[in-house]
């Protein structure tokens, strides 16, 4: 995505051209890590030369008053814009800030924002450099999702009653969904050798704190299945999958470690139980965060906390280092291999989900806690929602998708841009 920064000034405020160039140069230095192109627009000159490509983003920087009409004219040429309050203390030097404030950049920012937020479909406001980076990433996420491809391996499991069976409910988002026969994965698995599986076997066997139920053969078969799933994504040039994993148990192994690996170690996503709602949600969240995504089942507790659990957790949940883990069997079937990951406590979480059937979404903040282990899926994390009642009243399915930082505001905006509406209690 091309990112153009346009700094707007009026000569009636900046009578000293050298002074204008000095402040503009400082702005460009501050924006160089974000913008691929920086332009100075004085008295509207150069607006029509801005390279408004289909995937381009315009970062608008008001430097003075009397530029609002120029800003609106420029914004009309771009599908997405971010209005940046560069004059705010801390964004530039004190002298540059004071000069832009003196020249009426402050009222211009809010005057322009009051109109852009009403007129422009994808206009955002950023008040500091960190916000600007997040806003740019959010807009890039929307662009990245257009044309993404998911494969549905098999069909949603029959007990996953909340998802839509009509694939057009997902395709209308601009995301291609293609159904793949489970036999294709089974055939690939049969062809995978120990040499194909060795990198995955070594990774998970070598890093485990302990191995409880799985045998060496179980681990090797789980690694072969991991290789088969990775190859399936490559064969279809897909960005992710929703896999009806329970039917694969007839092969004598599980896809748990394969799903974990894809979410943990690749730029793709994998959802189990054929849950397309979770797959779409994971695809969206993955664009917004550097932490990992995890889907899990809820177990309600009297104290208003929920023990979320699943056998497909990533290891490097913070996106940096692996959590301790133990190799276990698949909880429901007792076969194969999965990961019992020691999730971090005290970490902020985003809990998100979209519904293809209803066209709605949820996004809520929460905090991870410790709690006693229960006889349910292997990896467990107690979650305290910021608003427990809201979680109960807006739940869109059994599975909840988590990432390990707060991106709820960005997810809300992204979901709205894709045409979802908030789920109401």
Protein backbone atom coordinates (compact mmCIF):
# COMPACT_ATOMS: atom_id res chain seq x y z
CA UNK A 1 0.00 0.00 0.00
CA UNK A 2 1.35 3.41 -1.00
CA UNK A 3 1.26 5.87 1.93
CA UNK A 4 1.42 9.58 1.00
CA UNK A 5 1.77 12.32 3.60
CA UNK A 6 0.48 15.74 2.53
CA UNK A 7 1.28 18.76 4.71
CA UNK A 8 -1.14 21.63 4.12
CA UNK A 9 -0.16 25.27 4.68
CA UNK A 10 -1.43 28.71 3.62
CA UNK A 11 0.95 31.51 2.65
CA UNK A 12 -1.18 34.03 4.54
CA UNK A 13 0.00 32.31 7.75
CA UNK A 14 3.47 31.18 6.66
CA UNK A 15 4.85 34.40 5.13
CA UNK A 16 8.42 33.25 5.69
CA UNK A 17 9.10 30.44 3.18
CA UNK A 18 12.30 29.38 4.91
CA UNK A 19 10.39 28.98 8.16
CA UNK A 20 7.74 26.90 6.38
CA UNK A 21 10.37 24.67 4.79
CA UNK A 22 12.05 24.14 8.18
CA UNK A 23 8.84 22.93 9.84
CA UNK A 24 7.92 20.84 6.80
CA UNK A 25 11.35 19.21 6.84
CA UNK A 26 10.89 18.28 10.49
CA UNK A 27 7.48 16.80 9.74
CA UNK A 28 8.91 14.73 6.89
CA UNK A 29 11.65 13.40 9.16
CA UNK A 30 9.05 12.30 11.69
CA UNK A 31 6.89 10.66 9.04
CA UNK A 32 9.60 8.88 7.07
CA UNK A 33 9.12 5.55 8.87
CA UNK A 34 5.42 5.55 7.93
CA UNK A 35 4.94 7.49 4.68
CA UNK A 36 6.48 6.40 1.40
CA UNK A 37 6.03 9.89 -0.09
CA UNK A 38 5.82 13.33 1.55
CA UNK A 39 4.36 16.43 -0.17
CA UNK A 40 4.00 20.09 0.78
CA UNK A 41 0.72 21.65 -0.39
CA UNK A 42 0.73 25.47 -0.19
CA UNK A 43 -2.47 27.36 -1.03
CA UNK A 44 -3.86 24.20 -2.66
CA UNK A 45 -1.03 23.93 -5.21
CA UNK A 46 -0.25 20.26 -5.81
CA UNK A 47 -3.52 18.70 -4.67
CA UNK A 48 -4.33 17.43 -8.15
CA UNK A 49 -0.84 15.92 -8.47
CA UNK A 50 -1.25 13.68 -5.44
CA UNK A 51 -0.94 10.05 -6.67
CA UNK A 52 -4.39 8.78 -5.70
CA UNK A 53 -4.04 5.10 -6.62
CA UNK A 54 -6.72 2.60 -5.69
CA UNK A 55 -4.71 1.20 -2.77
CA UNK A 56 -3.11 4.49 -1.68
CA UNK A 57 -3.55 6.06 1.76
CA UNK A 58 -3.36 9.81 2.39
CA UNK A 59 -1.97 11.10 5.69
CA UNK A 60 -3.22 14.67 6.09
CA UNK A 61 -1.17 17.08 8.20
CA UNK A 62 -2.67 20.57 8.77
CA UNK A 63 0.12 23.09 9.34
CA UNK A 64 -2.01 26.26 9.39
CA UNK A 65 -5.47 27.69 8.96
CA UNK A 66 -7.22 28.46 5.65
CA UNK A 67 -6.49 25.00 4.20
CA UNK A 68 -9.73 23.14 5.03
CA UNK A 69 -11.12 23.22 1.50
CA UNK A 70 -7.80 21.96 0.12
CA UNK A 71 -7.83 19.11 2.64
CA UNK A 72 -11.35 18.06 1.64
CA UNK A 73 -10.47 18.23 -2.05
CA UNK A 74 -7.43 16.02 -1.49
CA UNK A 75 -9.36 13.55 0.69
CA UNK A 76 -11.95 13.02 -2.04
CA UNK A 77 -9.23 11.49 -4.23
CA UNK A 78 -8.35 8.72 -1.76
CA UNK A 79 -10.24 5.68 -0.51
CA UNK A 80 -8.71 6.07 2.97
CA UNK A 81 -7.29 9.02 4.90
CA UNK A 82 -5.75 9.66 8.31
CA UNK A 83 -5.88 13.18 9.73
CA UNK A 84 -2.79 13.67 11.90
CA UNK A 85 -2.51 16.25 14.68
CA UNK A 86 1.21 16.78 14.17
CA UNK A 87 1.12 20.16 15.95
CA UNK A 88 0.29 18.52 19.32
CA UNK A 89 3.12 18.76 21.86
CA UNK A 90 5.42 15.75 21.73
CA UNK A 91 4.91 15.05 18.03
CA UNK A 92 7.40 17.67 16.86
CA UNK A 93 9.82 20.09 18.49
CA UNK A 94 8.34 22.67 20.83
CA UNK A 95 9.23 25.46 18.40
CA UNK A 96 7.53 23.75 15.45
CA UNK A 97 4.48 22.97 17.59
CA UNK A 98 4.22 26.56 18.79
CA UNK A 99 4.50 27.92 15.27
CA UNK A 100 1.74 25.65 13.91
CA UNK A 101 -0.49 26.50 16.87
CA UNK A 102 0.16 30.22 16.24
CA UNK A 103 -0.79 29.67 12.59
CA UNK A 104 -4.15 28.05 13.46
CA UNK A 105 -3.34 24.37 12.77
CA UNK A 106 -5.30 23.40 15.89
CA UNK A 107 -8.78 24.61 14.86
CA UNK A 108 -8.11 23.48 11.31
CA UNK A 109 -7.58 19.91 12.53
CA UNK A 110 -10.93 19.70 14.29
CA UNK A 111 -12.79 21.64 11.62
CA UNK A 112 -11.53 19.21 8.98
CA UNK A 113 -12.21 16.18 11.17
CA UNK A 114 -15.81 17.22 11.83
CA UNK A 115 -16.50 17.04 8.10
CA UNK A 116 -14.27 14.11 7.11
CA UNK A 117 -15.79 11.81 9.71
CA UNK A 118 -19.22 12.44 8.14
CA UNK A 119 -18.33 12.50 4.46
CA UNK A 120 -15.54 9.97 4.08
CA UNK A 121 -16.17 6.22 4.37
CA UNK A 122 -12.71 5.45 5.77
CA UNK A 123 -11.36 8.50 7.60
CA UNK A 124 -9.45 8.21 10.87
CA UNK A 125 -7.92 10.67 13.35
CA UNK A 126 -4.48 10.23 14.97
CA UNK A 127 -3.18 12.44 17.78
CA UNK A 128 0.34 11.03 18.16
CA UNK A 129 2.88 8.89 16.32
CA UNK A 130 1.81 5.65 18.00
CA UNK A 131 -1.82 6.25 17.05
CA UNK A 132 -0.78 7.15 13.53
CA UNK A 133 1.05 3.83 13.14
CA UNK A 134 -2.01 1.94 14.40
CA UNK A 135 -4.38 3.85 12.12
CA UNK A 136 -2.19 3.13 9.11
CA UNK A 137 -2.05 -0.55 10.06
CA UNK A 138 -5.84 -0.65 10.39
CA UNK A 139 -6.32 0.80 6.92
CA UNK A 140 -3.72 -1.59 5.52
CA UNK A 141 -5.59 -4.47 7.19
CA UNK A 142 -8.76 -3.62 5.32
CA UNK A 143 -6.85 -3.55 2.04
CA UNK A 144 -5.07 -6.81 2.83
CA UNK A 145 -8.35 -8.61 3.51
CA UNK A 146 -9.70 -7.81 0.06
CA UNK A 147 -8.86 -10.82 -2.09
CA UNK A 148 -7.76 -13.10 0.75
CA UNK A 149 -8.51 -16.78 0.23
CA UNK A 150 -9.74 -19.32 2.77
CA UNK A 151 -10.24 -23.02 2.24
CA UNK A 152 -12.90 -25.01 4.08
CA UNK A 153 -11.68 -28.57 4.48
CA UNK A 154 -14.80 -30.70 4.66
CA UNK A 155 -17.83 -28.99 6.21
CA UNK A 156 -18.47 -27.28 9.54
CA UNK A 157 -18.88 -29.94 12.22
CA UNK A 158 -22.60 -30.63 12.82
CA UNK A 159 -22.49 -29.35 16.42
CA UNK A 160 -21.12 -25.95 15.33
CA UNK A 161 -24.65 -24.61 14.83
CA UNK A 162 -23.82 -20.88 14.94
CA UNK A 163 -21.96 -20.70 11.61
CA UNK A 164 -23.51 -20.17 8.21
CA UNK A 165 -23.47 -23.07 5.74
CA UNK A 166 -23.93 -20.57 2.91
CA UNK A 167 -20.42 -19.70 1.72
CA UNK A 168 -21.73 -16.59 -0.04
CA UNK A 169 -22.22 -15.05 3.42
CA UNK A 170 -18.41 -14.97 3.64
CA UNK A 171 -17.56 -14.31 0.00
CA UNK A 172 -19.50 -11.03 0.06
CA UNK A 173 -16.80 -9.71 2.42
CA UNK A 174 -14.35 -9.76 -0.48
CA UNK A 175 -12.77 -12.98 0.82
CA UNK A 176 -12.73 -16.07 -1.39
CA UNK A 177 -13.86 -19.29 0.30
CA UNK A 178 -13.22 -22.58 -1.48
CA UNK A 179 -14.35 -25.98 -0.24
CA UNK A 180 -11.75 -28.76 -0.29
CA UNK A 181 -12.48 -32.46 0.17
CA UNK A 182 -11.04 -33.97 3.34
CA UNK A 183 -9.73 -36.84 1.24
CA UNK A 184 -7.22 -34.44 -0.27
CA UNK A 185 -5.67 -33.89 3.16
CA UNK A 186 -5.83 -37.62 3.92
CA UNK A 187 -3.98 -38.41 0.69
CA UNK A 188 -1.30 -35.82 1.42
CA UNK A 189 -0.89 -37.19 4.94
CA UNK A 190 -0.40 -40.69 3.58
CA UNK A 191 2.41 -39.44 1.31
CA UNK A 192 4.25 -37.45 3.98
CA UNK A 193 7.49 -39.11 5.06
CA UNK A 194 9.42 -38.86 8.32
CA UNK A 195 11.82 -36.56 6.50
CA UNK A 196 8.91 -34.22 5.64
CA UNK A 197 7.76 -34.33 9.25
CA UNK A 198 11.14 -34.05 10.99
CA UNK A 199 11.26 -30.20 11.34
CA UNK A 200 7.88 -30.21 13.10
CA UNK A 201 8.69 -33.29 15.19
CA UNK A 202 11.99 -31.76 16.36
CA UNK A 203 10.38 -28.41 17.17
CA UNK A 204 7.64 -29.77 19.41
CA UNK A 205 9.44 -32.78 20.90
CA UNK A 206 12.56 -30.79 21.62
CA UNK A 207 10.84 -27.86 23.31
CA UNK A 208 8.34 -29.73 25.50
CA UNK A 209 8.68 -29.69 29.27
CA UNK A 210 7.13 -33.16 29.36
CA UNK A 211 5.29 -35.70 27.22
CA UNK A 212 2.38 -37.42 28.97
CA UNK A 213 0.19 -39.60 26.71
CA UNK A 214 1.67 -39.43 23.16
CA UNK A 215 4.18 -42.00 21.98
CA UNK A 216 7.03 -41.17 19.63
CA UNK A 217 4.89 -42.62 16.84
CA UNK A 218 1.96 -40.37 17.84
CA UNK A 219 4.23 -37.34 17.67
CA UNK A 220 5.65 -38.32 14.30
CA UNK A 221 2.14 -38.81 12.88
CA UNK A 222 1.05 -35.43 14.25
CA UNK A 223 4.11 -33.91 12.58
CA UNK A 224 3.21 -35.63 9.30
CA UNK A 225 -0.29 -34.16 9.56
CA UNK A 226 1.24 -30.73 10.20
CA UNK A 227 3.28 -31.08 7.02
CA UNK A 228 0.14 -32.13 5.13
CA UNK A 229 -1.85 -29.09 6.33
CA UNK A 230 0.96 -26.68 5.46
CA UNK A 231 1.21 -28.29 2.02
CA UNK A 232 -2.55 -28.02 1.52
CA UNK A 233 -2.41 -24.26 2.11
CA UNK A 234 0.48 -23.97 -0.33
CA UNK A 235 -1.25 -26.09 -2.96
CA UNK A 236 -4.32 -23.83 -2.88
CA UNK A 237 -2.33 -20.60 -2.38
CA UNK A 238 -4.64 -19.94 0.55
CA UNK A 239 -4.28 -17.48 3.42
CA UNK A 240 -5.98 -19.75 5.90
CA UNK A 241 -8.25 -22.69 6.53
CA UNK A 242 -11.19 -23.92 8.55
CA UNK A 243 -10.78 -27.65 8.98
CA UNK A 244 -13.42 -30.19 10.02
CA UNK A 245 -10.85 -31.91 12.20
CA UNK A 246 -12.89 -34.62 13.88
CA UNK A 247 -13.35 -36.63 10.70
CA UNK A 248 -9.56 -36.83 10.41
CA UNK A 249 -9.41 -38.79 13.68
CA UNK A 250 -10.18 -41.89 11.60
CA UNK A 251 -6.61 -41.62 10.31
CA UNK A 252 -5.34 -42.32 13.82
CA UNK A 253 -3.95 -38.86 14.42
CA UNK A 254 -5.09 -35.30 15.08
CA UNK A 255 -4.60 -31.93 13.40
CA UNK A 256 -4.16 -30.07 16.71
CA UNK A 257 -0.43 -29.44 16.41
CA UNK A 258 -0.82 -28.54 12.72
CA UNK A 259 -3.42 -25.88 13.54
CA UNK A 260 -1.20 -24.59 16.37
CA UNK A 261 1.81 -24.41 14.07
CA UNK A 262 0.01 -22.50 11.31
CA UNK A 263 -1.28 -19.87 13.75
CA UNK A 264 2.05 -19.64 15.57
CA UNK A 265 4.75 -19.89 12.93
CA UNK A 266 3.25 -18.68 9.64
CA UNK A 267 1.47 -15.59 8.35
CA UNK A 268 -1.64 -17.71 7.78
CA UNK A 269 -4.46 -18.85 10.07
CA UNK A 270 -6.21 -22.11 10.87
CA UNK A 271 -9.53 -22.70 12.65
CA UNK A 272 -10.69 -26.11 13.75
CA UNK A 273 -14.12 -27.79 13.65
CA UNK A 274 -14.83 -26.17 10.28
CA UNK A 275 -15.73 -22.92 12.06
CA UNK A 276 -15.69 -20.31 9.28
CA UNK A 277 -16.82 -17.53 11.63
CA UNK A 278 -13.70 -18.13 13.71
CA UNK A 279 -11.53 -18.38 10.60
CA UNK A 280 -12.76 -15.02 9.27
CA UNK A 281 -12.30 -13.48 12.72
CA UNK A 282 -8.78 -14.86 13.02
CA UNK A 283 -7.91 -13.54 9.57
CA UNK A 284 -9.12 -10.08 10.60
CA UNK A 285 -7.38 -10.06 13.98
CA UNK A 286 -4.11 -11.33 12.52
CA UNK A 287 -3.87 -8.17 10.39
CA UNK A 288 -4.15 -5.97 13.50
CA UNK A 289 -1.71 -7.50 15.96
CA UNK A 290 1.80 -8.90 16.32
CA UNK A 291 0.59 -11.32 19.00
CA UNK A 292 -0.93 -14.68 18.07
CA UNK A 293 -4.56 -15.68 17.64
CA UNK A 294 -6.30 -18.51 19.48
CA UNK A 295 -9.85 -19.88 19.33
CA UNK A 296 -11.24 -21.56 22.41
CA UNK A 297 -14.34 -23.00 24.14
CA UNK A 298 -15.93 -21.29 27.17
CA UNK A 299 -16.56 -22.81 30.57
CA UNK A 300 -18.58 -20.45 32.78
CA UNK A 301 -17.73 -20.04 36.47
CA UNK A 302 -19.83 -18.58 39.30
CA UNK A 303 -17.41 -15.72 39.96
CA UNK A 304 -18.03 -14.21 36.53
CA UNK A 305 -14.88 -15.61 34.96
CA UNK A 306 -14.73 -18.03 32.04
CA UNK A 307 -12.26 -20.88 31.63
CA UNK A 308 -11.50 -20.90 27.91
CA UNK A 309 -9.87 -24.06 26.60
CA UNK A 310 -8.82 -25.73 23.37
CA UNK A 311 -6.18 -28.16 22.14
CA UNK A 312 -4.84 -25.88 19.39
CA UNK A 313 -3.07 -23.04 21.23
CA UNK A 314 -0.06 -21.24 19.75
CA UNK A 315 3.16 -21.19 21.77
CA UNK A 316 4.52 -17.66 21.22
CA UNK A 317 1.28 -15.97 22.23
CA UNK A 318 3.02 -12.61 22.72
CA UNK A 319 4.62 -12.89 19.29
CA UNK A 320 8.12 -13.07 20.79
CA UNK A 321 8.90 -16.14 22.90
CA UNK A 322 7.35 -19.55 23.50
CA UNK A 323 5.32 -20.32 26.59
CA UNK A 324 6.17 -23.53 28.49
CA UNK A 325 4.14 -26.49 27.25
CA UNK A 326 3.49 -30.18 27.71
CA UNK A 327 2.69 -32.69 24.98
CA UNK A 328 -0.71 -34.29 25.57
CA UNK A 329 -3.25 -36.35 23.63
CA UNK A 330 -6.36 -34.83 22.06
CA UNK A 331 -8.84 -34.31 24.91
CA UNK A 332 -12.08 -35.68 23.38
CA UNK A 333 -10.61 -38.70 21.60
CA UNK A 334 -7.53 -39.47 23.69
CA UNK A 335 -5.46 -40.07 20.54
CA UNK A 336 -2.74 -38.23 18.69
CA UNK A 337 -0.92 -35.23 20.11
CA UNK A 338 -1.79 -31.71 21.17
CA UNK A 339 -0.27 -28.92 23.25
CA UNK A 340 -1.01 -28.02 26.85
CA UNK A 341 0.34 -24.49 26.88
CA UNK A 342 0.89 -22.51 30.09
CA UNK A 343 -0.82 -19.28 29.09
CA UNK A 344 0.38 -16.04 30.71
CA UNK A 345 -1.76 -14.49 33.45
CA UNK A 346 -2.42 -10.79 33.89
CA UNK A 347 -2.20 -10.18 30.15
CA UNK A 348 -4.72 -7.98 28.36
CA UNK A 349 -6.82 -9.77 25.76
CA UNK A 350 -9.13 -8.92 22.90
CA UNK A 351 -12.06 -11.29 22.50
CA UNK A 352 -13.62 -11.03 19.04
CA UNK A 353 -15.99 -12.86 16.72
CA UNK A 354 -18.00 -12.20 13.59
CA UNK A 355 -21.16 -13.98 12.45
CA UNK A 356 -21.65 -14.78 8.79
CA UNK A 357 -25.23 -15.85 9.44
CA UNK A 358 -26.30 -12.66 11.24
CA UNK A 359 -23.83 -10.14 9.78
CA UNK A 360 -22.87 -8.94 13.26
CA UNK A 361 -19.71 -8.85 15.38
CA UNK A 362 -18.50 -8.63 18.97
CA UNK A 363 -15.25 -7.15 20.33
CA UNK A 364 -14.55 -7.02 24.04
CA UNK A 365 -11.63 -6.39 26.35
CA UNK A 366 -10.62 -8.94 28.96
CA UNK A 367 -7.75 -10.04 31.19
CA UNK A 368 -6.21 -13.49 31.51
CA UNK A 369 -6.05 -15.13 34.95
CA UNK A 370 -4.90 -18.37 36.51
CA UNK A 371 -7.29 -20.99 37.81
CA UNK A 372 -7.60 -24.70 38.60
CA UNK A 373 -7.29 -27.15 35.73
CA UNK A 374 -10.51 -28.79 34.59
CA UNK A 375 -11.17 -31.97 32.64
CA UNK A 376 -11.59 -30.23 29.30
CA UNK A 377 -9.42 -29.24 26.36
CA UNK A 378 -5.71 -29.20 27.08
CA UNK A 379 -4.74 -25.52 27.02
CA UNK A 380 -6.76 -23.47 29.49
CA UNK A 381 -6.91 -19.77 30.34
CA UNK A 382 -9.27 -18.16 32.80
CA UNK A 383 -10.64 -14.93 31.35
CA UNK A 384 -12.24 -12.03 33.19
CA UNK A 385 -14.22 -9.90 30.74
CA UNK A 386 -14.42 -6.17 31.30
CA UNK A 387 -18.18 -6.66 31.02
CA UNK A 388 -19.19 -10.25 31.75
CA UNK A 389 -22.91 -9.63 31.24
CA UNK A 390 -22.23 -8.13 27.83
CA UNK A 391 -20.27 -11.24 26.85
CA UNK A 392 -23.22 -13.42 27.83
CA UNK A 393 -25.79 -11.24 26.07
CA UNK A 394 -23.85 -10.84 22.81
CA UNK A 395 -22.22 -14.26 22.37
CA UNK A 396 -22.18 -15.24 18.69
CA UNK A 397 -21.04 -18.81 19.11
CA UNK A 398 -19.21 -21.27 21.30
CA UNK A 399 -15.75 -20.43 20.03
CA UNK A 400 -14.17 -17.11 20.95
CA UNK A 401 -11.13 -15.72 19.14
CA UNK A 402 -8.43 -14.10 21.27
CA UNK A 403 -5.29 -12.11 20.71
CA UNK A 404 -2.98 -11.00 23.49
CA UNK A 405 -3.27 -7.21 23.35
CA UNK A 406 -6.13 -4.73 23.16
CA UNK A 407 -7.17 -4.22 19.52
CA UNK A 408 -10.91 -4.07 20.22
CA UNK A 409 -11.34 -0.51 18.89
CA UNK A 410 -9.48 -1.31 15.67
CA UNK A 411 -11.38 -4.58 15.24
CA UNK A 412 -14.66 -2.71 15.68
CA UNK A 413 -13.73 -0.26 12.94
CA UNK A 414 -12.49 -3.01 10.62
CA UNK A 415 -15.67 -5.05 11.14
CA UNK A 416 -17.84 -2.03 10.35
CA UNK A 417 -15.86 -1.34 7.17
CA UNK A 418 -16.49 -4.94 6.09
CA UNK A 419 -20.23 -4.44 6.53
CA UNK A 420 -20.78 -6.07 9.96
CA UNK A 421 -22.92 -4.34 12.58
CA UNK A 422 -22.42 -4.62 16.37
CA UNK A 423 -24.28 -7.45 18.05
CA UNK A 424 -26.72 -5.86 20.49
CA UNK A 425 -27.81 -7.39 23.85
